[in-house]
């Protein structure tokens, strides 16, 4: 499974991490840039498409309730997603993966929590 930017996609990794022993899967996180993936695929982020944004807001509510995790839109959503982006975070996670691969899941979760849960 590829680790995307710090967007809601991280929720899927959170679920997979939580259930990997129960489902007997070997999960391998890989830092990547969602912006590059979106550009190459011709896709646009939810912040730029009103219908995607509405869907994402509703989906977050459902995920928060179903998974019992404190997930919220960042107060400065556009700044976090469009200006800050995830390049430095993905570079950091790549370094973690190279030097201390056993810490990648923990570091990924912490970065995700800082954006979506605090």
N, C-alpha and C. Protein backbone atom coordinates (compact mmCIF):
# COMPACT_ATOMS: atom_id res chain seq x y z
N UNK A 1 0.85 -1.18 0.00
CA UNK A 1 0.00 0.00 0.00
C UNK A 1 0.89 1.24 0.00
N UNK A 2 0.59 2.17 -0.80
CA UNK A 2 1.38 3.38 -0.90
C UNK A 2 0.88 4.42 0.09
N UNK A 3 1.78 5.03 0.80
CA UNK A 3 1.43 6.09 1.73
C UNK A 3 1.30 7.37 0.95
N UNK A 4 0.10 7.95 0.92
CA UNK A 4 -0.15 9.16 0.16
C UNK A 4 0.23 10.39 0.95
N UNK A 5 -0.20 11.52 0.49
CA UNK A 5 0.06 12.75 1.23
C UNK A 5 -0.74 12.68 2.51
N UNK A 6 -0.69 13.73 3.26
CA UNK A 6 -1.37 13.72 4.54
C UNK A 6 -2.85 14.02 4.40
N UNK A 7 -3.44 13.58 3.34
CA UNK A 7 -4.87 13.78 3.14
C UNK A 7 -5.63 12.62 3.75
N UNK A 8 -6.93 12.62 3.55
CA UNK A 8 -7.78 11.60 4.15
C UNK A 8 -7.37 10.20 3.71
N UNK A 9 -6.69 10.09 2.59
CA UNK A 9 -6.20 8.80 2.16
C UNK A 9 -5.45 8.11 3.29
N UNK A 10 -4.81 8.89 4.14
CA UNK A 10 -4.12 8.34 5.30
C UNK A 10 -5.03 7.54 6.20
N UNK A 11 -6.32 7.82 6.15
CA UNK A 11 -7.28 7.07 6.94
C UNK A 11 -7.27 5.60 6.54
N UNK A 12 -7.13 5.33 5.26
CA UNK A 12 -7.09 3.94 4.81
C UNK A 12 -5.88 3.23 5.41
N UNK A 13 -4.74 3.89 5.44
CA UNK A 13 -3.56 3.30 6.04
C UNK A 13 -3.78 3.07 7.52
N UNK A 14 -4.47 4.01 8.18
CA UNK A 14 -4.77 3.86 9.59
C UNK A 14 -5.60 2.60 9.81
N UNK A 15 -6.60 2.38 8.97
CA UNK A 15 -7.44 1.18 9.06
C UNK A 15 -6.59 -0.07 8.79
N UNK A 16 -5.79 -0.03 7.74
CA UNK A 16 -4.97 -1.19 7.40
C UNK A 16 -3.96 -1.51 8.50
N UNK A 17 -3.37 -0.47 9.10
CA UNK A 17 -2.43 -0.70 10.21
C UNK A 17 -3.16 -1.34 11.38
N UNK A 18 -4.35 -0.86 11.66
CA UNK A 18 -5.14 -1.36 12.79
C UNK A 18 -5.50 -2.83 12.61
N UNK A 19 -5.81 -3.24 11.38
CA UNK A 19 -6.31 -4.59 11.13
C UNK A 19 -5.33 -5.53 10.45
N UNK A 20 -4.07 -5.11 10.27
CA UNK A 20 -3.16 -5.96 9.51
C UNK A 20 -2.94 -7.33 10.14
N UNK A 21 -2.92 -7.43 11.46
CA UNK A 21 -2.75 -8.75 12.09
C UNK A 21 -4.03 -9.57 12.00
N UNK A 22 -5.17 -8.93 12.15
CA UNK A 22 -6.46 -9.63 12.07
C UNK A 22 -6.68 -10.15 10.66
N UNK A 23 -6.37 -9.33 9.66
CA UNK A 23 -6.58 -9.71 8.26
C UNK A 23 -5.41 -10.49 7.67
N UNK A 24 -4.34 -10.63 8.46
CA UNK A 24 -3.16 -11.36 8.03
C UNK A 24 -2.60 -10.80 6.71
N UNK A 25 -2.30 -9.50 6.73
CA UNK A 25 -1.70 -8.85 5.56
C UNK A 25 -0.33 -8.29 5.93
N UNK A 26 0.53 -8.18 4.95
CA UNK A 26 1.84 -7.57 5.14
C UNK A 26 1.78 -6.17 4.54
N UNK A 27 1.59 -5.17 5.38
CA UNK A 27 1.44 -3.79 4.95
C UNK A 27 2.81 -3.12 4.86
N UNK A 28 3.12 -2.55 3.71
CA UNK A 28 4.36 -1.81 3.53
C UNK A 28 4.02 -0.39 3.10
N UNK A 29 4.26 0.56 3.99
CA UNK A 29 4.00 1.96 3.68
C UNK A 29 5.14 2.50 2.81
N UNK A 30 4.79 3.33 1.84
CA UNK A 30 5.78 3.94 0.96
C UNK A 30 5.45 5.41 0.81
N UNK A 31 6.32 6.29 1.30
CA UNK A 31 6.07 7.72 1.13
C UNK A 31 5.97 8.08 -0.36
N UNK A 32 5.00 8.90 -0.71
CA UNK A 32 4.83 9.33 -2.10
C UNK A 32 4.15 10.69 -2.11
N UNK A 33 4.18 11.33 -3.26
CA UNK A 33 3.55 12.64 -3.39
C UNK A 33 2.23 12.52 -4.13
N UNK A 34 1.15 12.79 -3.43
CA UNK A 34 -0.18 12.69 -4.02
C UNK A 34 -0.35 13.72 -5.14
N UNK A 35 0.34 14.86 -5.03
CA UNK A 35 0.21 15.88 -6.08
C UNK A 35 0.74 15.37 -7.41
N UNK A 36 1.85 14.64 -7.38
CA UNK A 36 2.39 14.05 -8.61
C UNK A 36 1.46 13.00 -9.19
N UNK A 37 0.87 12.20 -8.31
CA UNK A 37 -0.07 11.17 -8.75
C UNK A 37 -1.30 11.83 -9.37
N UNK A 38 -1.81 12.88 -8.72
CA UNK A 38 -2.99 13.57 -9.25
C UNK A 38 -2.68 14.24 -10.59
N UNK A 39 -1.51 14.84 -10.69
CA UNK A 39 -1.14 15.51 -11.94
C UNK A 39 -1.04 14.50 -13.08
N UNK A 40 -0.34 13.40 -12.83
CA UNK A 40 -0.17 12.38 -13.88
C UNK A 40 -1.48 11.73 -14.28
N UNK A 41 -2.42 11.64 -13.33
CA UNK A 41 -3.70 10.99 -13.63
C UNK A 41 -4.76 11.97 -14.13
N UNK A 42 -4.45 13.28 -14.07
CA UNK A 42 -5.43 14.28 -14.48
C UNK A 42 -6.50 14.53 -13.43
N UNK A 43 -6.27 14.07 -12.22
CA UNK A 43 -7.22 14.23 -11.12
C UNK A 43 -6.97 15.56 -10.42
N UNK A 44 -7.98 16.09 -9.75
CA UNK A 44 -7.85 17.34 -8.99
C UNK A 44 -8.20 17.08 -7.54
N UNK A 45 -7.53 17.78 -6.61
CA UNK A 45 -7.79 17.57 -5.19
C UNK A 45 -9.18 18.06 -4.78
N UNK A 46 -9.72 17.49 -3.69
CA UNK A 46 -11.05 17.86 -3.21
C UNK A 46 -11.21 19.36 -2.92
N UNK A 47 -10.14 20.02 -2.51
CA UNK A 47 -10.23 21.44 -2.21
C UNK A 47 -10.52 22.31 -3.43
N UNK A 48 -10.27 21.78 -4.62
CA UNK A 48 -10.48 22.55 -5.84
C UNK A 48 -11.78 22.20 -6.57
N UNK A 49 -12.43 21.15 -6.13
CA UNK A 49 -13.69 20.72 -6.76
C UNK A 49 -14.79 20.68 -5.69
N UNK A 50 -15.78 21.57 -5.78
CA UNK A 50 -16.80 21.67 -4.74
C UNK A 50 -17.49 20.34 -4.40
N UNK A 51 -17.84 19.55 -5.39
CA UNK A 51 -18.52 18.27 -5.11
C UNK A 51 -17.62 17.30 -4.35
N UNK A 52 -16.36 17.26 -4.72
CA UNK A 52 -15.41 16.41 -4.00
C UNK A 52 -15.26 16.90 -2.56
N UNK A 53 -15.21 18.21 -2.39
CA UNK A 53 -15.08 18.78 -1.06
C UNK A 53 -16.26 18.42 -0.17
N UNK A 54 -17.48 18.50 -0.72
CA UNK A 54 -18.68 18.13 0.04
C UNK A 54 -18.65 16.64 0.39
N UNK A 55 -18.29 15.82 -0.57
CA UNK A 55 -18.21 14.39 -0.32
C UNK A 55 -17.19 14.11 0.79
N UNK A 56 -16.04 14.77 0.70
CA UNK A 56 -14.98 14.56 1.68
C UNK A 56 -15.44 14.97 3.08
N UNK A 57 -16.15 16.09 3.18
CA UNK A 57 -16.65 16.55 4.48
C UNK A 57 -17.61 15.52 5.07
N UNK A 58 -18.52 15.00 4.25
CA UNK A 58 -19.45 13.98 4.73
C UNK A 58 -18.72 12.69 5.08
N UNK A 59 -17.76 12.32 4.26
CA UNK A 59 -17.00 11.11 4.50
C UNK A 59 -16.22 11.20 5.81
N UNK A 60 -15.67 12.37 6.10
CA UNK A 60 -14.94 12.55 7.36
C UNK A 60 -15.84 12.32 8.56
N UNK A 61 -17.07 12.82 8.50
CA UNK A 61 -18.02 12.60 9.60
C UNK A 61 -18.29 11.12 9.80
N UNK A 62 -18.51 10.41 8.70
CA UNK A 62 -18.77 8.97 8.79
C UNK A 62 -17.56 8.22 9.34
N UNK A 63 -16.37 8.56 8.86
CA UNK A 63 -15.15 7.91 9.35
C UNK A 63 -14.92 8.19 10.83
N UNK A 64 -15.14 9.42 11.23
CA UNK A 64 -14.96 9.80 12.64
C UNK A 64 -15.86 8.94 13.52
N UNK A 65 -17.11 8.78 13.11
CA UNK A 65 -18.07 8.01 13.89
C UNK A 65 -17.76 6.51 13.84
N UNK A 66 -17.57 5.98 12.64
CA UNK A 66 -17.39 4.54 12.46
C UNK A 66 -16.07 4.04 13.06
N UNK A 67 -14.99 4.77 12.86
CA UNK A 67 -13.67 4.32 13.32
C UNK A 67 -13.32 4.80 14.72
N UNK A 68 -14.16 5.69 15.26
CA UNK A 68 -13.90 6.24 16.60
C UNK A 68 -12.51 6.90 16.67
N UNK A 69 -12.22 7.73 15.66
CA UNK A 69 -10.96 8.47 15.66
C UNK A 69 -11.29 9.96 15.56
N UNK A 70 -10.51 10.79 16.22
CA UNK A 70 -10.76 12.24 16.18
C UNK A 70 -10.24 12.85 14.88
N UNK A 71 -11.05 12.81 13.84
CA UNK A 71 -10.62 13.33 12.54
C UNK A 71 -11.42 14.58 12.21
N UNK A 72 -10.71 15.65 11.87
CA UNK A 72 -11.34 16.94 11.59
C UNK A 72 -10.58 17.63 10.46
N UNK A 73 -11.29 18.48 9.72
CA UNK A 73 -10.61 19.32 8.73
C UNK A 73 -9.68 20.28 9.47
N UNK A 74 -8.48 20.50 8.97
CA UNK A 74 -7.63 21.54 9.57
C UNK A 74 -8.32 22.90 9.44
N UNK A 75 -8.13 23.75 10.43
CA UNK A 75 -8.76 25.08 10.40
C UNK A 75 -8.30 25.87 9.18
N UNK A 76 -7.05 25.72 8.82
CA UNK A 76 -6.48 26.41 7.66
C UNK A 76 -6.27 25.41 6.52
N UNK A 77 -7.34 24.72 6.14
CA UNK A 77 -7.30 23.60 5.19
C UNK A 77 -6.56 23.94 3.90
N UNK A 78 -6.96 25.02 3.24
CA UNK A 78 -6.33 25.36 1.95
C UNK A 78 -4.84 25.65 2.12
N UNK A 79 -4.49 26.34 3.19
CA UNK A 79 -3.09 26.63 3.45
C UNK A 79 -2.29 25.34 3.66
N UNK A 80 -2.85 24.45 4.47
CA UNK A 80 -2.17 23.18 4.76
C UNK A 80 -2.01 22.34 3.50
N UNK A 81 -3.07 22.24 2.72
CA UNK A 81 -3.04 21.36 1.56
C UNK A 81 -2.35 21.96 0.34
N UNK A 82 -2.60 23.24 0.08
CA UNK A 82 -2.09 23.84 -1.16
C UNK A 82 -0.77 24.57 -0.98
N UNK A 83 -0.61 25.27 0.14
CA UNK A 83 0.62 26.04 0.33
C UNK A 83 1.71 25.20 0.99
N UNK A 84 1.38 24.61 2.13
CA UNK A 84 2.36 23.77 2.81
C UNK A 84 2.63 22.50 2.03
N UNK A 85 1.57 21.85 1.64
CA UNK A 85 1.71 20.59 0.91
C UNK A 85 2.33 19.51 1.77
N UNK A 86 2.81 18.47 1.11
CA UNK A 86 3.35 17.34 1.86
C UNK A 86 4.78 16.98 1.45
N UNK A 87 5.40 17.80 0.61
CA UNK A 87 6.74 17.48 0.12
C UNK A 87 7.74 17.28 1.26
N UNK A 88 7.81 18.22 2.19
CA UNK A 88 8.78 18.08 3.28
C UNK A 88 8.43 16.88 4.17
N UNK A 89 7.14 16.64 4.39
CA UNK A 89 6.73 15.48 5.20
C UNK A 89 7.13 14.18 4.51
N UNK A 90 6.92 14.10 3.20
CA UNK A 90 7.27 12.87 2.47
C UNK A 90 8.78 12.68 2.41
N UNK A 91 9.53 13.78 2.31
CA UNK A 91 10.99 13.67 2.36
C UNK A 91 11.44 13.15 3.72
N UNK A 92 10.82 13.68 4.77
CA UNK A 92 11.14 13.21 6.12
C UNK A 92 10.82 11.72 6.26
N UNK A 93 9.63 11.31 5.80
CA UNK A 93 9.24 9.90 5.91
C UNK A 93 10.13 9.00 5.06
N UNK A 94 10.61 9.50 3.93
CA UNK A 94 11.55 8.74 3.11
C UNK A 94 12.85 8.52 3.88
N UNK A 95 13.33 9.57 4.55
CA UNK A 95 14.55 9.45 5.36
C UNK A 95 14.33 8.47 6.51
N UNK A 96 13.18 8.56 7.17
CA UNK A 96 12.86 7.61 8.24
C UNK A 96 12.88 6.19 7.69
N UNK A 97 12.25 6.00 6.54
CA UNK A 97 12.18 4.67 5.94
C UNK A 97 13.57 4.12 5.60
N UNK A 98 14.47 4.99 5.16
CA UNK A 98 15.82 4.55 4.82
C UNK A 98 16.67 4.25 6.05
N UNK A 99 16.55 5.09 7.08
CA UNK A 99 17.40 4.96 8.26
C UNK A 99 16.81 4.11 9.38
N UNK A 100 15.49 4.19 9.56
CA UNK A 100 14.81 3.48 10.65
C UNK A 100 13.45 2.97 10.17
N UNK A 101 13.43 2.00 9.26
CA UNK A 101 12.16 1.55 8.67
C UNK A 101 11.14 1.07 9.70
N UNK A 102 11.61 0.60 10.84
CA UNK A 102 10.69 0.15 11.88
C UNK A 102 9.89 1.30 12.48
N UNK A 103 10.32 2.55 12.25
CA UNK A 103 9.64 3.73 12.78
C UNK A 103 8.71 4.39 11.77
N UNK A 104 8.65 3.89 10.54
CA UNK A 104 7.87 4.55 9.49
C UNK A 104 6.39 4.63 9.83
N UNK A 105 5.81 3.55 10.31
CA UNK A 105 4.38 3.57 10.63
C UNK A 105 4.09 4.59 11.73
N UNK A 106 4.89 4.59 12.77
CA UNK A 106 4.69 5.53 13.88
C UNK A 106 4.86 6.98 13.42
N UNK A 107 5.90 7.25 12.65
CA UNK A 107 6.14 8.61 12.15
C UNK A 107 5.03 9.05 11.20
N UNK A 108 4.58 8.15 10.33
CA UNK A 108 3.49 8.47 9.40
C UNK A 108 2.22 8.81 10.16
N UNK A 109 1.91 7.98 11.16
CA UNK A 109 0.70 8.21 11.95
C UNK A 109 0.77 9.56 12.67
N UNK A 110 1.93 9.88 13.24
CA UNK A 110 2.07 11.14 13.97
C UNK A 110 1.89 12.34 13.05
N UNK A 111 2.48 12.31 11.87
CA UNK A 111 2.31 13.42 10.92
C UNK A 111 0.85 13.54 10.49
N UNK A 112 0.21 12.41 10.23
CA UNK A 112 -1.20 12.42 9.84
C UNK A 112 -2.07 13.00 10.97
N UNK A 113 -1.79 12.56 12.21
CA UNK A 113 -2.56 13.05 13.36
C UNK A 113 -2.39 14.57 13.53
N UNK A 114 -1.20 15.07 13.28
CA UNK A 114 -0.96 16.51 13.44
C UNK A 114 -1.81 17.34 12.48
N UNK A 115 -2.08 16.81 11.31
CA UNK A 115 -2.90 17.54 10.33
C UNK A 115 -4.38 17.31 10.58
N UNK A 116 -4.79 16.07 10.80
CA UNK A 116 -6.21 15.71 10.79
C UNK A 116 -6.86 15.52 12.15
N UNK A 117 -6.08 15.47 13.23
CA UNK A 117 -6.69 15.17 14.53
C UNK A 117 -6.35 16.14 15.64
N UNK A 118 -5.60 17.18 15.33
CA UNK A 118 -5.23 18.11 16.41
C UNK A 118 -5.51 19.53 16.00
